[in-house]
Amino acid sequence: YKKSESLYGYHLIPDRVETIYLCEGYIDVLSMDAKGFAYP
């Protein structure tokens, strides 16, 4: 576990996608996912 080398939600992204959404924190990831954004 190295904070600066880790991404919350990374394990949910398929191997090949063109777009991801980089958020500030994990609550933002949960909020974007709830609103239907793919791959935050």
PDB file of all heavy atoms in Angstrom:
ATOM      1  N   TYR A   1       0.831  -1.205   0.000  1.00  0.00           N
ATOM      2  CA  TYR A   1       0.000   0.000   0.000  1.00  0.00           C
ATOM      3  C   TYR A   1       0.863   1.252   0.000  1.00  0.00           C
ATOM      4  O   TYR A   1       1.540   1.553   0.979  1.00  0.00           O
ATOM      5  CB  TYR A   1      -0.930   0.021   1.210  1.00  0.00           C
ATOM      6  CG  TYR A   1      -1.770   1.284   1.302  1.00  0.00           C
ATOM      7  CD1 TYR A   1      -2.657   1.615   0.302  1.00  0.00           C
ATOM      8  CD2 TYR A   1      -1.657   2.131   2.387  1.00  0.00           C
ATOM      9  CE1 TYR A   1      -3.425   2.770   0.384  1.00  0.00           C
ATOM     10  CE2 TYR A   1      -2.419   3.284   2.483  1.00  0.00           C
ATOM     11  CZ  TYR A   1      -3.304   3.595   1.471  1.00  0.00           C
ATOM     12  OH  TYR A   1      -4.065   4.729   1.541  1.00  0.00           O
ATOM     13  N   LYS A   2       0.849   1.927  -1.129  1.00  0.00           N
ATOM     14  CA  LYS A   2       1.521   3.210  -1.269  1.00  0.00           C
ATOM     15  C   LYS A   2       0.483   4.176  -1.826  1.00  0.00           C
ATOM     16  O   LYS A   2       0.074   4.059  -2.984  1.00  0.00           O
ATOM     17  CB  LYS A   2       2.720   3.086  -2.206  1.00  0.00           C
ATOM     18  CG  LYS A   2       3.795   2.142  -1.688  1.00  0.00           C
ATOM     19  CD  LYS A   2       4.875   1.920  -2.732  1.00  0.00           C
ATOM     20  CE  LYS A   2       5.905   0.937  -2.270  1.00  0.00           C
ATOM     21  NZ  LYS A   2       5.468  -0.445  -2.275  1.00  0.00           N
ATOM     22  N   LYS A   3       0.042   5.120  -0.993  1.00  0.00           N
ATOM     23  CA  LYS A   3      -1.029   6.030  -1.398  1.00  0.00           C
ATOM     24  C   LYS A   3      -0.768   6.684  -2.743  1.00  0.00           C
ATOM     25  O   LYS A   3      -1.657   6.764  -3.583  1.00  0.00           O
ATOM     26  CB  LYS A   3      -1.232   7.126  -0.348  1.00  0.00           C
ATOM     27  CG  LYS A   3      -2.050   6.713   0.829  1.00  0.00           C
ATOM     28  CD  LYS A   3      -2.177   7.823   1.849  1.00  0.00           C
ATOM     29  CE  LYS A   3      -2.731   9.077   1.248  1.00  0.00           C
ATOM     30  NZ  LYS A   3      -3.019  10.133   2.210  1.00  0.00           N
ATOM     31  N   SER A   4       0.436   7.158  -2.957  1.00  0.00           N
ATOM     32  CA  SER A   4       0.739   7.899  -4.180  1.00  0.00           C
ATOM     33  C   SER A   4       0.784   7.011  -5.428  1.00  0.00           C
ATOM     34  O   SER A   4       0.845   7.520  -6.541  1.00  0.00           O
ATOM     35  CB  SER A   4       2.061   8.650  -4.033  1.00  0.00           C
ATOM     36  OG  SER A   4       3.120   7.743  -3.863  1.00  0.00           O
ATOM     37  N   GLU A   5       0.722   5.697  -5.241  1.00  0.00           N
ATOM     38  CA  GLU A   5       0.759   4.772  -6.375  1.00  0.00           C
ATOM     39  C   GLU A   5      -0.541   3.981  -6.524  1.00  0.00           C
ATOM     40  O   GLU A   5      -0.585   3.016  -7.283  1.00  0.00           O
ATOM     41  CB  GLU A   5       1.925   3.798  -6.208  1.00  0.00           C
ATOM     42  CG  GLU A   5       3.275   4.475  -6.219  1.00  0.00           C
ATOM     43  CD  GLU A   5       4.420   3.496  -5.997  1.00  0.00           C
ATOM     44  OE1 GLU A   5       4.196   2.272  -6.077  1.00  0.00           O
ATOM     45  OE2 GLU A   5       5.542   3.969  -5.741  1.00  0.00           O
ATOM     46  N   SER A   6      -1.589   4.397  -5.814  1.00  0.00           N
ATOM     47  CA  SER A   6      -2.835   3.629  -5.807  1.00  0.00           C
ATOM     48  C   SER A   6      -3.997   4.457  -6.345  1.00  0.00           C
ATOM     49  O   SER A   6      -4.059   5.663  -6.134  1.00  0.00           O
ATOM     50  CB  SER A   6      -3.157   3.174  -4.382  1.00  0.00           C
ATOM     51  OG  SER A   6      -2.099   2.408  -3.859  1.00  0.00           O
ATOM     52  N   LEU A   7      -4.913   3.787  -7.026  1.00  0.00           N
ATOM     53  CA  LEU A   7      -6.127   4.417  -7.524  1.00  0.00           C
ATOM     54  C   LEU A   7      -7.341   3.672  -6.983  1.00  0.00           C
ATOM     55  O   LEU A   7      -7.464   2.456  -7.183  1.00  0.00           O
ATOM     56  CB  LEU A   7      -6.186   4.400  -9.058  1.00  0.00           C
ATOM     57  CG  LEU A   7      -5.222   5.304  -9.791  1.00  0.00           C
ATOM     58  CD1 LEU A   7      -5.311   5.042 -11.297  1.00  0.00           C
ATOM     59  CD2 LEU A   7      -5.518   6.768  -9.500  1.00  0.00           C
ATOM     60  N   TYR A   8      -8.227   4.394  -6.325  1.00  0.00           N
ATOM     61  CA  TYR A   8      -9.458   3.801  -5.824  1.00  0.00           C
ATOM     62  C   TYR A   8     -10.384   3.546  -7.010  1.00  0.00           C
ATOM     63  O   TYR A   8     -10.622   4.427  -7.828  1.00  0.00           O
ATOM     64  CB  TYR A   8     -10.123   4.742  -4.822  1.00  0.00           C
ATOM     65  CG  TYR A   8     -11.429   4.215  -4.296  1.00  0.00           C
ATOM     66  CD1 TYR A   8     -11.446   3.254  -3.291  1.00  0.00           C
ATOM     67  CD2 TYR A   8     -12.639   4.650  -4.814  1.00  0.00           C
ATOM     68  CE1 TYR A   8     -12.635   2.759  -2.813  1.00  0.00           C
ATOM     69  CE2 TYR A   8     -13.831   4.158  -4.337  1.00  0.00           C
ATOM     70  CZ  TYR A   8     -13.829   3.220  -3.340  1.00  0.00           C
ATOM     71  OH  TYR A   8     -15.008   2.718  -2.867  1.00  0.00           O
ATOM     72  N   GLY A   9     -10.898   2.338  -7.123  1.00  0.00           N
ATOM     73  CA  GLY A   9     -11.810   1.962  -8.204  1.00  0.00           C
ATOM     74  C   GLY A   9     -11.131   1.392  -9.424  1.00  0.00           C
ATOM     75  O   GLY A   9     -11.795   0.972 -10.370  1.00  0.00           O
ATOM     76  N   TYR A  10      -9.813   1.347  -9.412  1.00  0.00           N
ATOM     77  CA  TYR A  10      -9.057   0.858 -10.573  1.00  0.00           C
ATOM     78  C   TYR A  10      -9.414  -0.572 -10.942  1.00  0.00           C
ATOM     79  O   TYR A  10      -9.468  -0.926 -12.116  1.00  0.00           O
ATOM     80  CB  TYR A  10      -7.560   0.980 -10.289  1.00  0.00           C
ATOM     81  CG  TYR A  10      -6.670   0.511 -11.408  1.00  0.00           C
ATOM     82  CD1 TYR A  10      -6.507   1.283 -12.554  1.00  0.00           C
ATOM     83  CD2 TYR A  10      -5.999  -0.696 -11.329  1.00  0.00           C
ATOM     84  CE1 TYR A  10      -5.702   0.855 -13.587  1.00  0.00           C
ATOM     85  CE2 TYR A  10      -5.175  -1.130 -12.354  1.00  0.00           C
ATOM     86  CZ  TYR A  10      -5.035  -0.352 -13.478  1.00  0.00           C
ATOM     87  OH  TYR A  10      -4.231  -0.782 -14.511  1.00  0.00           O
ATOM     88  N   HIS A  11      -9.690  -1.379  -9.944  1.00  0.00           N
ATOM     89  CA  HIS A  11      -9.980  -2.797 -10.197  1.00  0.00           C
ATOM     90  C   HIS A  11     -11.279  -3.002 -10.974  1.00  0.00           C
ATOM     91  O   HIS A  11     -11.530  -4.073 -11.498  1.00  0.00           O
ATOM     92  CB  HIS A  11     -10.027  -3.565  -8.877  1.00  0.00           C
ATOM     93  CG  HIS A  11     -11.194  -3.210  -8.026  1.00  0.00           C
ATOM     94  ND1 HIS A  11     -11.258  -2.028  -7.303  1.00  0.00           N
ATOM     95  CD2 HIS A  11     -12.351  -3.856  -7.788  1.00  0.00           C
ATOM     96  CE1 HIS A  11     -12.412  -1.985  -6.659  1.00  0.00           C
ATOM     97  NE2 HIS A  11     -13.086  -3.086  -6.933  1.00  0.00           N
ATOM     98  N   LEU A  12     -12.116  -1.982 -11.092  1.00  0.00           N
ATOM     99  CA  LEU A  12     -13.388  -2.092 -11.806  1.00  0.00           C
ATOM    100  C   LEU A  12     -13.284  -1.738 -13.285  1.00  0.00           C
ATOM    101  O   LEU A  12     -14.248  -1.883 -14.027  1.00  0.00           O
ATOM    102  CB  LEU A  12     -14.437  -1.195 -11.140  1.00  0.00           C
ATOM    103  CG  LEU A  12     -14.755  -1.540  -9.684  1.00  0.00           C
ATOM    104  CD1 LEU A  12     -15.674  -0.489  -9.083  1.00  0.00           C
ATOM    105  CD2 LEU A  12     -15.371  -2.922  -9.591  1.00  0.00           C
ATOM    106  N   ILE A  13     -12.123  -1.279 -13.713  1.00  0.00           N
ATOM    107  CA  ILE A  13     -11.949  -0.853 -15.102  1.00  0.00           C
ATOM    108  C   ILE A  13     -11.493  -2.038 -15.952  1.00  0.00           C
ATOM    109  O   ILE A  13     -10.519  -2.710 -15.614  1.00  0.00           O
ATOM    110  CB  ILE A  13     -10.919   0.288 -15.198  1.00  0.00           C
ATOM    111  CG1 ILE A  13     -11.418   1.483 -14.390  1.00  0.00           C
ATOM    112  CG2 ILE A  13     -10.675   0.682 -16.647  1.00  0.00           C
ATOM    113  CD1 ILE A  13     -10.411   2.607 -14.309  1.00  0.00           C
ATOM    114  N   PRO A  14     -12.175  -2.283 -17.074  1.00  0.00           N
ATOM    115  CA  PRO A  14     -11.727  -3.350 -17.976  1.00  0.00           C
ATOM    116  C   PRO A  14     -10.336  -3.030 -18.540  1.00  0.00           C
ATOM    117  O   PRO A  14      -9.863  -1.895 -18.462  1.00  0.00           O
ATOM    118  CB  PRO A  14     -12.764  -3.351 -19.101  1.00  0.00           C
ATOM    119  CG  PRO A  14     -13.913  -2.568 -18.594  1.00  0.00           C
ATOM    120  CD  PRO A  14     -13.390  -1.638 -17.552  1.00  0.00           C
ATOM    121  N   ASP A  15      -9.696  -4.023 -19.128  1.00  0.00           N
ATOM    122  CA  ASP A  15      -8.345  -3.845 -19.650  1.00  0.00           C
ATOM    123  C   ASP A  15      -8.223  -2.727 -20.679  1.00  0.00           C
ATOM    124  O   ASP A  15      -7.234  -2.032 -20.712  1.00  0.00           O
ATOM    125  CB  ASP A  15      -7.831  -5.147 -20.264  1.00  0.00           C
ATOM    126  CG  ASP A  15      -7.494  -6.175 -19.201  1.00  0.00           C
ATOM    127  OD1 ASP A  15      -7.234  -5.775 -18.052  1.00  0.00           O
ATOM    128  OD2 ASP A  15      -7.491  -7.365 -19.530  1.00  0.00           O
ATOM    129  N   ARG A  16      -9.220  -2.570 -21.532  1.00  0.00           N
ATOM    130  CA  ARG A  16      -9.119  -1.563 -22.594  1.00  0.00           C
ATOM    131  C   ARG A  16     -10.346  -0.659 -22.589  1.00  0.00           C
ATOM    132  O   ARG A  16     -11.425  -1.074 -22.985  1.00  0.00           O
ATOM    133  CB  ARG A  16      -8.989  -2.238 -23.947  1.00  0.00           C
ATOM    134  CG  ARG A  16      -7.663  -2.935 -24.134  1.00  0.00           C
ATOM    135  CD  ARG A  16      -7.523  -3.474 -25.544  1.00  0.00           C
ATOM    136  NE  ARG A  16      -6.175  -3.895 -25.809  1.00  0.00           N
ATOM    137  CZ  ARG A  16      -5.681  -5.088 -25.516  1.00  0.00           C
ATOM    138  NH1 ARG A  16      -6.448  -5.974 -24.937  1.00  0.00           N
ATOM    139  NH2 ARG A  16      -4.441  -5.392 -25.806  1.00  0.00           N
ATOM    140  N   VAL A  17     -10.150   0.561 -22.135  1.00  0.00           N
ATOM    141  CA  VAL A  17     -11.182   1.592 -22.232  1.00  0.00           C
ATOM    142  C   VAL A  17     -10.513   2.866 -22.732  1.00  0.00           C
ATOM    143  O   VAL A  17      -9.313   3.065 -22.564  1.00  0.00           O
ATOM    144  CB  VAL A  17     -11.901   1.871 -20.885  1.00  0.00           C
ATOM    145  CG1 VAL A  17     -12.643   0.658 -20.402  1.00  0.00           C
ATOM    146  CG2 VAL A  17     -10.951   2.382 -19.847  1.00  0.00           C
ATOM    147  N   GLU A  18     -11.289   3.726 -23.383  1.00  0.00           N
ATOM    148  CA  GLU A  18     -10.723   4.964 -23.915  1.00  0.00           C
ATOM    149  C   GLU A  18     -10.795   6.118 -22.935  1.00  0.00           C
ATOM    150  O   GLU A  18      -9.991   7.037 -22.999  1.00  0.00           O
ATOM    151  CB  GLU A  18     -11.431   5.332 -25.211  1.00  0.00           C
ATOM    152  CG  GLU A  18     -11.132   4.369 -26.336  1.00  0.00           C
ATOM    153  CD  GLU A  18     -11.669   4.850 -27.663  1.00  0.00           C
ATOM    154  OE1 GLU A  18     -11.920   6.060 -27.808  1.00  0.00           O
ATOM    155  OE2 GLU A  18     -11.829   4.011 -28.556  1.00  0.00           O
ATOM    156  N   THR A  19     -11.775   6.091 -22.028  1.00  0.00           N
ATOM    157  CA  THR A  19     -11.973   7.222 -21.132  1.00  0.00           C
ATOM    158  C   THR A  19     -12.178   6.751 -19.699  1.00  0.00           C
ATOM    159  O   THR A  19     -12.940   5.826 -19.464  1.00  0.00           O
ATOM    160  CB  THR A  19     -13.218   8.040 -21.556  1.00  0.00           C
ATOM    161  OG1 THR A  19     -13.053   8.464 -22.905  1.00  0.00           O
ATOM    162  CG2 THR A  19     -13.408   9.248 -20.672  1.00  0.00           C
ATOM    163  N   ILE A  20     -11.473   7.389 -18.774  1.00  0.00           N
ATOM    164  CA  ILE A  20     -11.746   7.224 -17.348  1.00  0.00           C
ATOM    165  C   ILE A  20     -11.919   8.629 -16.766  1.00  0.00           C
ATOM    166  O   ILE A  20     -11.525   9.623 -17.376  1.00  0.00           O
ATOM    167  CB  ILE A  20     -10.631   6.472 -16.596  1.00  0.00           C
ATOM    168  CG1 ILE A  20      -9.324   7.259 -16.619  1.00  0.00           C
ATOM    169  CG2 ILE A  20     -10.450   5.068 -17.143  1.00  0.00           C
ATOM    170  CD1 ILE A  20      -8.291   6.715 -15.664  1.00  0.00           C
ATOM    171  N   TYR A  21     -12.545   8.712 -15.615  1.00  0.00           N
ATOM    172  CA  TYR A  21     -12.724   9.990 -14.932  1.00  0.00           C
ATOM    173  C   TYR A  21     -11.873   9.975 -13.670  1.00  0.00           C
ATOM    174  O   TYR A  21     -12.096   9.154 -12.782  1.00  0.00           O
ATOM    175  CB  TYR A  21     -14.195  10.210 -14.573  1.00  0.00           C
ATOM    176  CG  TYR A  21     -15.066  10.364 -15.793  1.00  0.00           C
ATOM    177  CD1 TYR A  21     -15.727   9.263 -16.338  1.00  0.00           C
ATOM    178  CD2 TYR A  21     -15.214  11.595 -16.399  1.00  0.00           C
ATOM    179  CE1 TYR A  21     -16.519   9.402 -17.461  1.00  0.00           C
ATOM    180  CE2 TYR A  21     -15.998  11.737 -17.526  1.00  0.00           C
ATOM    181  CZ  TYR A  21     -16.644  10.639 -18.050  1.00  0.00           C
ATOM    182  OH  TYR A  21     -17.428  10.778 -19.170  1.00  0.00           O
ATOM    183  N   LEU A  22     -10.905  10.871 -13.593  1.00  0.00           N
ATOM    184  CA  LEU A  22     -10.042  10.968 -12.428  1.00  0.00           C
ATOM    185  C   LEU A  22     -10.670  11.945 -11.444  1.00  0.00           C
ATOM    186  O   LEU A  22     -10.874  13.112 -11.757  1.00  0.00           O
ATOM    187  CB  LEU A  22      -8.641  11.440 -12.818  1.00  0.00           C
ATOM    188  CG  LEU A  22      -7.633  11.569 -11.682  1.00  0.00           C
ATOM    189  CD1 LEU A  22      -7.441  10.229 -10.979  1.00  0.00           C
ATOM    190  CD2 LEU A  22      -6.313  12.109 -12.210  1.00  0.00           C
ATOM    191  N   CYS A  23     -10.987  11.454 -10.266  1.00  0.00           N
ATOM    192  CA  CYS A  23     -11.669  12.243  -9.238  1.00  0.00           C
ATOM    193  C   CYS A  23     -10.693  12.590  -8.118  1.00  0.00           C
ATOM    194  O   CYS A  23      -9.619  12.020  -8.005  1.00  0.00           O
ATOM    195  CB  CYS A  23     -12.822  11.434  -8.636  1.00  0.00           C
ATOM    196  SG  CYS A  23     -14.024  10.873  -9.837  1.00  0.00           S
ATOM    197  N   GLU A  24     -11.130  13.501  -7.251  1.00  0.00           N
ATOM    198  CA  GLU A  24     -10.281  13.914  -6.139  1.00  0.00           C
ATOM    199  C   GLU A  24     -10.227  12.876  -5.027  1.00  0.00           C
ATOM    200  O   GLU A  24      -9.183  12.627  -4.444  1.00  0.00           O
ATOM    201  CB  GLU A  24     -10.787  15.229  -5.563  1.00  0.00           C
ATOM    202  CG  GLU A  24      -9.919  15.769  -4.453  1.00  0.00           C
ATOM    203  CD  GLU A  24     -10.367  17.101  -3.930  1.00  0.00           C
ATOM    204  OE1 GLU A  24     -11.391  17.634  -4.400  1.00  0.00           O
ATOM    205  OE2 GLU A  24      -9.701  17.608  -3.023  1.00  0.00           O
ATOM    206  N   GLY A  25     -11.347  12.241  -4.713  1.00  0.00           N
ATOM    207  CA  GLY A  25     -11.375  11.282  -3.616  1.00  0.00           C
ATOM    208  C   GLY A  25     -12.385  10.185  -3.848  1.00  0.00           C
ATOM    209  O   GLY A  25     -13.156  10.198  -4.806  1.00  0.00           O
ATOM    210  N   TYR A  26     -12.379   9.214  -2.924  1.00  0.00           N
ATOM    211  CA  TYR A  26     -13.234   8.048  -3.134  1.00  0.00           C
ATOM    212  C   TYR A  26     -14.721   8.357  -3.019  1.00  0.00           C
ATOM    213  O   TYR A  26     -15.535   7.702  -3.665  1.00  0.00           O
ATOM    214  CB  TYR A  26     -12.828   6.859  -2.262  1.00  0.00           C
ATOM    215  CG  TYR A  26     -12.477   7.148  -0.826  1.00  0.00           C
ATOM    216  CD1 TYR A  26     -13.445   7.237   0.137  1.00  0.00           C
ATOM    217  CD2 TYR A  26     -11.158   7.300  -0.449  1.00  0.00           C
ATOM    218  CE1 TYR A  26     -13.112   7.484   1.456  1.00  0.00           C
ATOM    219  CE2 TYR A  26     -10.814   7.540   0.862  1.00  0.00           C
ATOM    220  CZ  TYR A  26     -11.804   7.637   1.815  1.00  0.00           C
ATOM    221  OH  TYR A  26     -11.473   7.884   3.117  1.00  0.00           O
ATOM    222  N   ILE A  27     -15.122   9.347  -2.249  1.00  0.00           N
ATOM    223  CA  ILE A  27     -16.541   9.722  -2.196  1.00  0.00           C
ATOM    224  C   ILE A  27     -16.984  10.268  -3.551  1.00  0.00           C
ATOM    225  O   ILE A  27     -18.107  10.019  -4.008  1.00  0.00           O
ATOM    226  CB  ILE A  27     -16.805  10.741  -1.064  1.00  0.00           C
ATOM    227  CG1 ILE A  27     -16.490  10.115   0.291  1.00  0.00           C
ATOM    228  CG2 ILE A  27     -18.235  11.261  -1.120  1.00  0.00           C
ATOM    229  CD1 ILE A  27     -17.306   8.885   0.644  1.00  0.00           C
ATOM    230  N   ASP A  28     -16.089  10.988  -4.233  1.00  0.00           N
ATOM    231  CA  ASP A  28     -16.395  11.475  -5.583  1.00  0.00           C
ATOM    232  C   ASP A  28     -16.596  10.306  -6.547  1.00  0.00           C
ATOM    233  O   ASP A  28     -17.477  10.350  -7.409  1.00  0.00           O
ATOM    234  CB  ASP A  28     -15.269  12.374  -6.092  1.00  0.00           C
ATOM    235  CG  ASP A  28     -15.047  13.573  -5.195  1.00  0.00           C
ATOM    236  OD1 ASP A  28     -16.036  14.192  -4.784  1.00  0.00           O
ATOM    237  OD2 ASP A  28     -13.872  13.874  -4.904  1.00  0.00           O
ATOM    238  N   VAL A  29     -15.787   9.266  -6.414  1.00  0.00           N
ATOM    239  CA  VAL A  29     -15.941   8.076  -7.253  1.00  0.00           C
ATOM    240  C   VAL A  29     -17.318   7.452  -7.026  1.00  0.00           C
ATOM    241  O   VAL A  29     -18.039   7.132  -7.982  1.00  0.00           O
ATOM    242  CB  VAL A  29     -14.830   7.038  -6.976  1.00  0.00           C
ATOM    243  CG1 VAL A  29     -15.130   5.711  -7.668  1.00  0.00           C
ATOM    244  CG2 VAL A  29     -13.485   7.572  -7.416  1.00  0.00           C
ATOM    245  N   LEU A  30     -17.699   7.301  -5.781  1.00  0.00           N
ATOM    246  CA  LEU A  30     -19.009   6.717  -5.471  1.00  0.00           C
ATOM    247  C   LEU A  30     -20.143   7.587  -6.010  1.00  0.00           C
ATOM    248  O   LEU A  30     -21.124   7.072  -6.551  1.00  0.00           O
ATOM    249  CB  LEU A  30     -19.150   6.534  -3.954  1.00  0.00           C
ATOM    250  CG  LEU A  30     -18.141   5.579  -3.315  1.00  0.00           C
ATOM    251  CD1 LEU A  30     -18.276   5.606  -1.800  1.00  0.00           C
ATOM    252  CD2 LEU A  30     -18.301   4.181  -3.851  1.00  0.00           C
ATOM    253  N   SER A  31     -20.012   8.900  -5.888  1.00  0.00           N
ATOM    254  CA  SER A  31     -21.037   9.817  -6.385  1.00  0.00           C
ATOM    255  C   SER A  31     -21.151   9.756  -7.902  1.00  0.00           C
ATOM    256  O   SER A  31     -22.252   9.723  -8.449  1.00  0.00           O
ATOM    257  CB  SER A  31     -20.728  11.254  -5.954  1.00  0.00           C
ATOM    258  OG  SER A  31     -20.736  11.367  -4.560  1.00  0.00           O
ATOM    259  N   MET A  32     -20.015   9.752  -8.586  1.00  0.00           N
ATOM    260  CA  MET A  32     -20.050   9.689 -10.056  1.00  0.00           C
ATOM    261  C   MET A  32     -20.613   8.360 -10.538  1.00  0.00           C
ATOM    262  O   MET A  32     -21.379   8.321 -11.502  1.00  0.00           O
ATOM    263  CB  MET A  32     -18.662   9.940 -10.628  1.00  0.00           C
ATOM    264  CG  MET A  32     -18.226  11.391 -10.474  1.00  0.00           C
ATOM    265  SD  MET A  32     -16.716  11.766 -11.353  1.00  0.00           S
ATOM    266  CE  MET A  32     -17.263  11.688 -13.055  1.00  0.00           C
ATOM    267  N   ASP A  33     -20.249   7.288  -9.871  1.00  0.00           N
ATOM    268  CA  ASP A  33     -20.793   5.981 -10.230  1.00  0.00           C
ATOM    269  C   ASP A  33     -22.315   5.966 -10.042  1.00  0.00           C
ATOM    270  O   ASP A  33     -23.041   5.464 -10.897  1.00  0.00           O
ATOM    271  CB  ASP A  33     -20.135   4.892  -9.389  1.00  0.00           C
ATOM    272  CG  ASP A  33     -20.647   3.513  -9.763  1.00  0.00           C
ATOM    273  OD1 ASP A  33     -20.368   3.063 -10.887  1.00  0.00           O
ATOM    274  OD2 ASP A  33     -21.322   2.898  -8.917  1.00  0.00           O
ATOM    275  N   ALA A  34     -22.789   6.554  -8.960  1.00  0.00           N
ATOM    276  CA  ALA A  34     -24.238   6.606  -8.700  1.00  0.00           C
ATOM    277  C   ALA A  34     -24.968   7.421  -9.757  1.00  0.00           C
ATOM    278  O   ALA A  34     -26.146   7.167 -10.036  1.00  0.00           O
ATOM    279  CB  ALA A  34     -24.493   7.192  -7.312  1.00  0.00           C
ATOM    280  N   LYS A  35     -24.293   8.388 -10.349  1.00  0.00           N
ATOM    281  CA  LYS A  35     -24.889   9.225 -11.403  1.00  0.00           C
ATOM    282  C   LYS A  35     -24.741   8.605 -12.785  1.00  0.00           C
ATOM    283  O   LYS A  35     -25.158   9.188 -13.782  1.00  0.00           O
ATOM    284  CB  LYS A  35     -24.263  10.622 -11.406  1.00  0.00           C
ATOM    285  CG  LYS A  35     -24.558  11.410 -10.157  1.00  0.00           C
ATOM    286  CD  LYS A  35     -26.006  11.835 -10.119  1.00  0.00           C
ATOM    287  CE  LYS A  35     -26.245  12.711  -8.911  1.00  0.00           C
ATOM    288  NZ  LYS A  35     -27.635  13.110  -8.808  1.00  0.00           N
ATOM    289  N   GLY A  36     -24.098   7.443 -12.883  1.00  0.00           N
ATOM    290  CA  GLY A  36     -24.013   6.742 -14.160  1.00  0.00           C
ATOM    291  C   GLY A  36     -22.747   6.964 -14.962  1.00  0.00           C
ATOM    292  O   GLY A  36     -22.647   6.520 -16.098  1.00  0.00           O
ATOM    293  N   PHE A  37     -21.759   7.652 -14.408  1.00  0.00           N
ATOM    294  CA  PHE A  37     -20.497   7.826 -15.124  1.00  0.00           C
ATOM    295  C   PHE A  37     -19.721   6.514 -15.088  1.00  0.00           C
ATOM    296  O   PHE A  37     -19.573   5.891 -14.049  1.00  0.00           O
ATOM    297  CB  PHE A  37     -19.639   8.918 -14.470  1.00  0.00           C
ATOM    298  CG  PHE A  37     -20.156  10.306 -14.698  1.00  0.00           C
ATOM    299  CD1 PHE A  37     -21.100  10.857 -13.852  1.00  0.00           C
ATOM    300  CD2 PHE A  37     -19.707  11.049 -15.776  1.00  0.00           C
ATOM    301  CE1 PHE A  37     -21.588  12.136 -14.062  1.00  0.00           C
ATOM    302  CE2 PHE A  37     -20.179  12.330 -15.992  1.00  0.00           C
ATOM    303  CZ  PHE A  37     -21.125  12.875 -15.144  1.00  0.00           C
ATOM    304  N   ALA A  38     -19.223   6.109 -16.245  1.00  0.00           N
ATOM    305  CA  ALA A  38     -18.465   4.859 -16.327  1.00  0.00           C
ATOM    306  C   ALA A  38     -17.003   5.117 -16.003  1.00  0.00           C
ATOM    307  O   ALA A  38     -16.407   6.070 -16.491  1.00  0.00           O
ATOM    308  CB  ALA A  38     -18.583   4.269 -17.729  1.00  0.00           C
ATOM    309  N   TYR A  39     -16.438   4.283 -15.166  1.00  0.00           N
ATOM    310  CA  TYR A  39     -15.011   4.218 -14.877  1.00  0.00           C
ATOM    311  C   TYR A  39     -14.439   5.447 -14.162  1.00  0.00           C
ATOM    312  O   TYR A  39     -13.409   5.976 -14.561  1.00  0.00           O
ATOM    313  CB  TYR A  39     -14.216   3.909 -16.147  1.00  0.00           C
ATOM    314  CG  TYR A  39     -14.831   2.779 -16.938  1.00  0.00           C
ATOM    315  CD1 TYR A  39     -15.168   2.941 -18.269  1.00  0.00           C
ATOM    316  CD2 TYR A  39     -15.104   1.562 -16.336  1.00  0.00           C
ATOM    317  CE1 TYR A  39     -15.754   1.908 -18.977  1.00  0.00           C
ATOM    318  CE2 TYR A  39     -15.678   0.529 -17.033  1.00  0.00           C
ATOM    319  CZ  TYR A  39     -16.008   0.717 -18.378  1.00  0.00           C
ATOM    320  OH  TYR A  39     -16.584  -0.299 -19.066  1.00  0.00           O
ATOM    321  N   PRO A  40     -15.047   5.871 -13.059  1.00  0.00           N
ATOM    322  CA  PRO A  40     -14.385   6.888 -12.246  1.00  0.00           C
ATOM    323  C   PRO A  40     -13.345   6.245 -11.344  1.00  0.00           C
ATOM    324  O   PRO A  40     -13.531   5.119 -10.872  1.00  0.00           O
ATOM    325  CB  PRO A  40     -15.535   7.477 -11.418  1.00  0.00           C
ATOM    326  CG  PRO A  40     -16.501   6.340 -11.284  1.00  0.00           C
ATOM    327  CD  PRO A  40     -16.373   5.538 -12.563  1.00  0.00           C
TER     328      PRO A  40
END
